[in-house]
N, C-alpha and C. Protein backbone atom coordinates (compact mmCIF):
# COMPACT_ATOMS: atom_id res chain seq x y z
N MET A 1 41.25 21.62 52.11
CA MET A 1 40.11 21.56 51.23
C MET A 1 39.30 22.86 51.39
N MET A 2 38.85 23.40 50.26
CA MET A 2 38.03 24.61 50.27
C MET A 2 36.60 24.25 50.65
N ARG A 3 36.02 25.08 51.52
CA ARG A 3 34.62 24.88 51.92
C ARG A 3 33.91 26.23 51.86
N ALA A 4 32.68 26.19 51.43
CA ALA A 4 31.84 27.39 51.43
C ALA A 4 30.40 26.95 51.64
N LEU A 5 29.64 27.81 52.26
CA LEU A 5 28.20 27.59 52.34
C LEU A 5 27.60 27.99 50.99
N ILE A 6 26.48 27.39 50.64
CA ILE A 6 25.83 27.72 49.37
C ILE A 6 24.39 28.14 49.66
N ASP A 7 23.94 29.17 48.95
CA ASP A 7 22.61 29.73 49.14
C ASP A 7 21.69 29.34 47.98
N THR A 8 20.42 29.47 48.21
CA THR A 8 19.39 29.12 47.23
C THR A 8 19.60 29.79 45.88
N GLY A 9 19.86 31.07 45.88
CA GLY A 9 20.02 31.80 44.63
C GLY A 9 21.16 31.29 43.77
N ALA A 10 22.23 30.85 44.40
CA ALA A 10 23.37 30.31 43.65
C ALA A 10 22.99 28.97 43.01
N ILE A 11 22.31 28.13 43.76
CA ILE A 11 21.89 26.84 43.21
C ILE A 11 20.91 27.06 42.06
N TYR A 12 19.96 27.95 42.27
CA TYR A 12 18.99 28.23 41.22
C TYR A 12 19.68 28.80 39.97
N ALA A 13 20.64 29.67 40.15
CA ALA A 13 21.36 30.25 39.01
C ALA A 13 22.09 29.17 38.21
N ILE A 14 22.61 28.17 38.88
CA ILE A 14 23.27 27.06 38.18
C ILE A 14 22.24 26.26 37.40
N ALA A 15 21.09 26.01 37.99
CA ALA A 15 20.08 25.13 37.40
C ALA A 15 19.28 25.79 36.28
N ALA A 16 19.10 27.09 36.34
CA ALA A 16 18.25 27.80 35.39
C ALA A 16 19.10 28.55 34.37
N ALA A 17 19.16 28.02 33.16
CA ALA A 17 19.98 28.63 32.11
C ALA A 17 19.58 30.08 31.82
N GLY A 18 18.33 30.43 32.07
CA GLY A 18 17.87 31.78 31.81
C GLY A 18 18.11 32.77 32.94
N ASP A 19 18.65 32.30 34.04
CA ASP A 19 18.90 33.17 35.19
C ASP A 19 19.99 34.19 34.86
N LEU A 20 19.84 35.39 35.36
CA LEU A 20 20.80 36.48 35.14
C LEU A 20 22.23 36.08 35.52
N HIS A 21 22.38 35.28 36.56
CA HIS A 21 23.70 34.91 37.08
C HIS A 21 24.16 33.52 36.63
N HIS A 22 23.46 32.91 35.68
CA HIS A 22 23.76 31.52 35.30
C HIS A 22 25.22 31.32 34.89
N SER A 23 25.73 32.13 33.98
CA SER A 23 27.11 31.95 33.49
C SER A 23 28.13 32.09 34.61
N GLU A 24 27.96 33.10 35.41
CA GLU A 24 28.88 33.35 36.53
C GLU A 24 28.83 32.20 37.54
N ALA A 25 27.61 31.72 37.82
CA ALA A 25 27.45 30.61 38.78
C ALA A 25 28.06 29.33 38.23
N ALA A 26 27.81 29.04 36.96
CA ALA A 26 28.36 27.82 36.35
C ALA A 26 29.88 27.86 36.31
N GLN A 27 30.43 29.03 36.05
CA GLN A 27 31.89 29.17 36.03
C GLN A 27 32.48 28.93 37.42
N LEU A 28 31.89 29.52 38.45
CA LEU A 28 32.39 29.30 39.80
C LEU A 28 32.26 27.83 40.19
N MET A 29 31.15 27.21 39.84
CA MET A 29 30.95 25.79 40.15
C MET A 29 32.03 24.95 39.48
N GLY A 30 32.32 25.23 38.22
CA GLY A 30 33.37 24.49 37.51
C GLY A 30 34.73 24.64 38.17
N THR A 31 35.05 25.85 38.58
CA THR A 31 36.32 26.10 39.27
C THR A 31 36.36 25.35 40.60
N TRP A 32 35.25 25.38 41.31
CA TRP A 32 35.16 24.73 42.61
C TRP A 32 35.38 23.23 42.48
N VAL A 33 34.77 22.64 41.47
CA VAL A 33 34.90 21.19 41.23
C VAL A 33 36.36 20.85 40.91
N LYS A 34 37.00 21.64 40.08
CA LYS A 34 38.40 21.40 39.72
C LYS A 34 39.32 21.45 40.94
N LYS A 35 39.00 22.32 41.87
CA LYS A 35 39.82 22.47 43.07
C LYS A 35 39.38 21.53 44.19
N GLU A 36 38.41 20.65 43.88
CA GLU A 36 37.89 19.67 44.84
C GLU A 36 37.31 20.34 46.08
N GLY A 37 36.65 21.45 45.88
CA GLY A 37 36.00 22.15 46.98
C GLY A 37 34.67 21.49 47.34
N ILE A 38 34.17 21.85 48.50
CA ILE A 38 32.90 21.32 49.01
C ILE A 38 31.97 22.49 49.30
N PHE A 39 30.72 22.34 48.92
CA PHE A 39 29.69 23.30 49.31
C PHE A 39 28.87 22.69 50.43
N LEU A 40 28.71 23.42 51.49
CA LEU A 40 27.91 22.97 52.63
C LEU A 40 26.47 23.42 52.38
N LEU A 41 25.57 22.45 52.34
CA LEU A 41 24.17 22.67 51.99
C LEU A 41 23.31 22.42 53.22
N SER A 42 22.61 23.46 53.65
CA SER A 42 21.75 23.31 54.84
C SER A 42 20.36 22.83 54.44
N ASP A 43 19.68 22.24 55.41
CA ASP A 43 18.29 21.81 55.21
C ASP A 43 17.42 22.95 54.69
N LEU A 44 17.55 24.10 55.32
CA LEU A 44 16.68 25.22 54.94
C LEU A 44 16.94 25.69 53.52
N VAL A 45 18.20 25.70 53.11
CA VAL A 45 18.53 26.08 51.73
C VAL A 45 17.95 25.04 50.77
N PHE A 46 18.05 23.76 51.12
CA PHE A 46 17.48 22.72 50.26
C PHE A 46 15.97 22.92 50.12
N ILE A 47 15.29 23.15 51.22
CA ILE A 47 13.84 23.35 51.20
C ILE A 47 13.48 24.55 50.33
N GLU A 48 14.16 25.65 50.53
CA GLU A 48 13.91 26.86 49.75
C GLU A 48 14.15 26.61 48.26
N THR A 49 15.24 25.91 47.96
CA THR A 49 15.60 25.64 46.58
C THR A 49 14.57 24.75 45.90
N MET A 50 14.12 23.72 46.60
CA MET A 50 13.12 22.83 46.00
C MET A 50 11.81 23.57 45.73
N THR A 51 11.41 24.44 46.64
CA THR A 51 10.18 25.22 46.47
C THR A 51 10.31 26.15 45.27
N LEU A 52 11.43 26.86 45.18
CA LEU A 52 11.66 27.80 44.09
C LEU A 52 11.76 27.07 42.75
N ALA A 53 12.52 25.99 42.71
CA ALA A 53 12.70 25.25 41.46
C ALA A 53 11.38 24.66 40.97
N LYS A 54 10.59 24.11 41.87
CA LYS A 54 9.31 23.53 41.46
C LYS A 54 8.38 24.61 40.90
N ARG A 55 8.35 25.74 41.56
CA ARG A 55 7.47 26.84 41.14
C ARG A 55 7.90 27.40 39.79
N ARG A 56 9.21 27.61 39.62
CA ARG A 56 9.68 28.30 38.40
C ARG A 56 10.08 27.36 37.27
N LEU A 57 10.58 26.17 37.61
CA LEU A 57 11.11 25.27 36.57
C LEU A 57 10.29 24.01 36.38
N GLY A 58 9.38 23.76 37.30
CA GLY A 58 8.51 22.59 37.20
C GLY A 58 9.00 21.44 38.07
N PRO A 59 8.10 20.49 38.35
CA PRO A 59 8.43 19.40 39.27
C PRO A 59 9.52 18.47 38.77
N GLU A 60 9.56 18.19 37.48
CA GLU A 60 10.59 17.27 36.96
C GLU A 60 11.99 17.84 37.17
N VAL A 61 12.15 19.12 36.84
CA VAL A 61 13.46 19.76 37.01
C VAL A 61 13.81 19.83 38.50
N ALA A 62 12.83 20.17 39.32
CA ALA A 62 13.08 20.26 40.77
C ALA A 62 13.53 18.92 41.33
N ILE A 63 12.91 17.85 40.90
CA ILE A 63 13.29 16.52 41.41
C ILE A 63 14.69 16.15 40.93
N ARG A 64 15.01 16.42 39.66
CA ARG A 64 16.38 16.14 39.17
C ARG A 64 17.41 16.96 39.95
N LEU A 65 17.09 18.22 40.18
CA LEU A 65 17.99 19.09 40.94
C LEU A 65 18.15 18.57 42.37
N GLY A 66 17.05 18.19 42.99
CA GLY A 66 17.11 17.64 44.35
C GLY A 66 17.96 16.40 44.43
N CYS A 67 17.82 15.52 43.44
CA CYS A 67 18.65 14.30 43.40
C CYS A 67 20.12 14.65 43.28
N GLU A 68 20.43 15.62 42.44
CA GLU A 68 21.82 16.05 42.26
C GLU A 68 22.39 16.60 43.58
N LEU A 69 21.61 17.43 44.25
CA LEU A 69 22.07 18.01 45.51
C LEU A 69 22.27 16.93 46.58
N ARG A 70 21.44 15.92 46.57
CA ARG A 70 21.53 14.85 47.57
C ARG A 70 22.63 13.83 47.26
N GLU A 71 22.94 13.64 45.99
CA GLU A 71 23.84 12.54 45.60
C GLU A 71 25.25 12.98 45.21
N ASN A 72 25.42 14.21 44.77
CA ASN A 72 26.72 14.68 44.32
C ASN A 72 27.61 14.97 45.54
N PRO A 73 28.79 14.37 45.60
CA PRO A 73 29.66 14.56 46.78
C PRO A 73 30.23 15.97 46.92
N ILE A 74 30.02 16.82 45.94
CA ILE A 74 30.46 18.21 46.09
C ILE A 74 29.62 18.95 47.12
N PHE A 75 28.42 18.40 47.43
CA PHE A 75 27.53 19.00 48.42
C PHE A 75 27.54 18.17 49.70
N SER A 76 27.84 18.82 50.79
CA SER A 76 27.84 18.17 52.10
C SER A 76 26.66 18.72 52.90
N TRP A 77 25.79 17.84 53.32
CA TRP A 77 24.53 18.20 53.95
C TRP A 77 24.72 18.59 55.41
N ILE A 78 24.03 19.65 55.82
CA ILE A 78 24.03 20.07 57.22
C ILE A 78 22.57 20.10 57.68
N SER A 79 22.25 19.32 58.68
CA SER A 79 20.89 19.26 59.20
C SER A 79 20.67 20.31 60.28
N LEU A 80 19.46 20.78 60.34
CA LEU A 80 19.08 21.79 61.32
C LEU A 80 18.82 21.12 62.67
N SER A 81 19.80 21.19 63.54
CA SER A 81 19.66 20.62 64.88
C SER A 81 18.84 21.58 65.74
N PRO A 82 18.33 21.10 66.87
CA PRO A 82 17.61 22.01 67.77
C PRO A 82 18.49 23.19 68.21
N ALA A 83 19.75 22.94 68.48
CA ALA A 83 20.64 24.03 68.91
C ALA A 83 20.86 25.05 67.79
N LEU A 84 21.06 24.56 66.57
CA LEU A 84 21.23 25.46 65.43
C LEU A 84 19.96 26.27 65.18
N GLU A 85 18.82 25.64 65.34
CA GLU A 85 17.54 26.34 65.15
C GLU A 85 17.39 27.45 66.19
N GLN A 86 17.77 27.17 67.44
CA GLN A 86 17.67 28.19 68.49
C GLN A 86 18.59 29.38 68.20
N GLU A 87 19.80 29.09 67.74
CA GLU A 87 20.73 30.18 67.41
C GLU A 87 20.26 30.97 66.20
N THR A 88 19.67 30.26 65.23
CA THR A 88 19.12 30.93 64.05
C THR A 88 17.99 31.86 64.46
N TRP A 89 17.13 31.38 65.33
CA TRP A 89 16.02 32.20 65.81
C TRP A 89 16.54 33.43 66.55
N ALA A 90 17.57 33.24 67.35
CA ALA A 90 18.16 34.37 68.08
C ALA A 90 18.75 35.40 67.10
N ALA A 91 19.41 34.94 66.07
CA ALA A 91 19.97 35.85 65.07
C ALA A 91 18.85 36.58 64.32
N PHE A 92 17.81 35.84 63.97
CA PHE A 92 16.67 36.42 63.26
C PHE A 92 16.05 37.55 64.09
N LYS A 93 15.92 37.33 65.38
CA LYS A 93 15.35 38.36 66.27
C LYS A 93 16.30 39.53 66.45
N SER A 94 17.60 39.26 66.57
CA SER A 94 18.54 40.34 66.87
C SER A 94 18.84 41.22 65.66
N TYR A 95 18.62 40.72 64.46
CA TYR A 95 18.84 41.53 63.25
C TYR A 95 17.51 41.96 62.66
N ASP A 96 16.58 42.38 63.51
CA ASP A 96 15.26 42.75 63.04
C ASP A 96 15.25 44.04 62.20
N ASP A 97 16.38 44.75 62.19
CA ASP A 97 16.49 45.95 61.35
C ASP A 97 16.91 45.62 59.92
N LYS A 98 17.18 44.34 59.65
CA LYS A 98 17.60 43.89 58.33
C LYS A 98 16.46 43.13 57.66
N GLU A 99 16.53 42.98 56.36
CA GLU A 99 15.53 42.22 55.61
C GLU A 99 15.98 40.77 55.39
N TRP A 100 16.84 40.29 56.25
CA TRP A 100 17.37 38.94 56.09
C TRP A 100 16.28 37.91 56.36
N SER A 101 16.27 36.88 55.53
CA SER A 101 15.32 35.78 55.74
C SER A 101 15.81 34.89 56.88
N TYR A 102 14.94 34.00 57.28
CA TYR A 102 15.32 33.04 58.32
C TYR A 102 16.48 32.17 57.82
N THR A 103 16.43 31.80 56.55
CA THR A 103 17.51 30.99 55.95
C THR A 103 18.81 31.77 55.92
N ASP A 104 18.75 33.06 55.60
CA ASP A 104 19.95 33.90 55.63
C ASP A 104 20.58 33.86 57.02
N CYS A 105 19.75 33.97 58.04
CA CYS A 105 20.25 33.95 59.43
C CYS A 105 20.86 32.60 59.76
N GLU A 106 20.26 31.53 59.27
CA GLU A 106 20.83 30.21 59.51
C GLU A 106 22.24 30.12 58.92
N LEU A 107 22.41 30.63 57.69
CA LEU A 107 23.73 30.58 57.07
C LEU A 107 24.75 31.44 57.82
N LEU A 108 24.32 32.57 58.35
CA LEU A 108 25.21 33.40 59.17
C LEU A 108 25.66 32.63 60.40
N VAL A 109 24.73 31.99 61.08
CA VAL A 109 25.06 31.20 62.28
C VAL A 109 25.99 30.05 61.92
N LEU A 110 25.69 29.35 60.83
CA LEU A 110 26.56 28.25 60.40
C LEU A 110 27.96 28.74 60.08
N ALA A 111 28.06 29.87 59.40
CA ALA A 111 29.36 30.42 59.06
C ALA A 111 30.18 30.68 60.32
N LYS A 112 29.55 31.24 61.33
CA LYS A 112 30.25 31.50 62.58
C LYS A 112 30.64 30.20 63.28
N GLN A 113 29.71 29.26 63.36
CA GLN A 113 29.98 27.98 64.04
C GLN A 113 31.11 27.20 63.37
N LEU A 114 31.09 27.18 62.04
CA LEU A 114 32.04 26.37 61.28
C LEU A 114 33.30 27.13 60.91
N LYS A 115 33.35 28.41 61.30
CA LYS A 115 34.49 29.29 60.99
C LYS A 115 34.74 29.34 59.47
N ILE A 116 33.64 29.59 58.76
CA ILE A 116 33.68 29.71 57.30
C ILE A 116 33.30 31.15 56.96
N THR A 117 34.07 31.76 56.08
CA THR A 117 33.76 33.14 55.70
C THR A 117 33.06 33.23 54.35
N ASP A 118 33.17 32.19 53.52
CA ASP A 118 32.65 32.26 52.16
C ASP A 118 31.25 31.66 52.02
N VAL A 119 30.38 32.43 51.35
CA VAL A 119 29.04 31.97 51.02
C VAL A 119 28.85 32.20 49.52
N PHE A 120 28.53 31.13 48.79
CA PHE A 120 28.24 31.22 47.36
C PHE A 120 26.80 31.73 47.25
N SER A 121 26.67 33.01 46.90
CA SER A 121 25.36 33.64 46.88
C SER A 121 25.39 34.89 46.02
N PHE A 122 24.25 35.20 45.44
CA PHE A 122 24.08 36.46 44.73
C PHE A 122 23.16 37.39 45.52
N ASP A 123 22.85 37.03 46.73
CA ASP A 123 21.95 37.77 47.61
C ASP A 123 22.75 38.85 48.34
N ASN A 124 22.38 40.10 48.13
CA ASN A 124 23.09 41.22 48.75
C ASN A 124 23.01 41.22 50.27
N HIS A 125 22.08 40.48 50.84
CA HIS A 125 21.99 40.41 52.30
C HIS A 125 23.28 39.89 52.91
N PHE A 126 23.95 38.98 52.23
CA PHE A 126 25.19 38.42 52.78
C PHE A 126 26.33 39.43 52.77
N ARG A 127 26.24 40.42 51.90
CA ARG A 127 27.25 41.47 51.87
C ARG A 127 27.11 42.41 53.08
N GLN A 128 25.97 42.34 53.74
CA GLN A 128 25.73 43.16 54.94
C GLN A 128 26.20 42.46 56.21
N MET A 129 26.49 41.18 56.11
CA MET A 129 26.77 40.38 57.31
C MET A 129 28.25 40.47 57.71
N PRO A 130 28.49 40.67 58.99
CA PRO A 130 29.87 40.74 59.46
C PRO A 130 30.61 39.43 59.28
N GLY A 131 31.80 39.50 58.73
CA GLY A 131 32.64 38.31 58.59
C GLY A 131 32.31 37.41 57.41
N ILE A 132 31.39 37.84 56.53
CA ILE A 132 30.98 37.01 55.40
C ILE A 132 31.52 37.61 54.11
N ARG A 133 32.00 36.73 53.25
CA ARG A 133 32.47 37.12 51.92
C ARG A 133 31.65 36.34 50.89
N CYS A 134 31.05 37.07 49.96
CA CYS A 134 30.23 36.42 48.92
C CYS A 134 31.10 35.93 47.78
N LEU A 135 30.81 34.72 47.36
CA LEU A 135 31.39 34.19 46.14
C LEU A 135 30.32 34.26 45.07
N PRO A 136 30.53 34.56 43.90
CA PRO A 136 31.83 34.93 43.29
C PRO A 136 32.20 36.35 43.63
């Protein structure tokens, strides 16, 4: 089974028809569904996505999107454990020369822990990370 981590920007691009990457994101999502792939969704990405969607698309759209992320089996939830939080903090501190967000660092740590190289993202920060390949 194909697995990839998913980032806030990719989810937002799927949800917002006016987003620059909407068509590309929707196409990758369709391909992923056909191949029965799974996107691993972290707590921090969910939080970031809900905040962004509510601010830009409104509360009704954000709630519908949140329900989809929570209920659709294509998304597998990953909770931020104390150990994962400590490793994320360590990565955040050690890459202080980068503009990576705390969430970006969490996804890097998860990728290493889960031995996953693919991250569905349009964020160029992931292209700077060792061992990470951006989808699409």
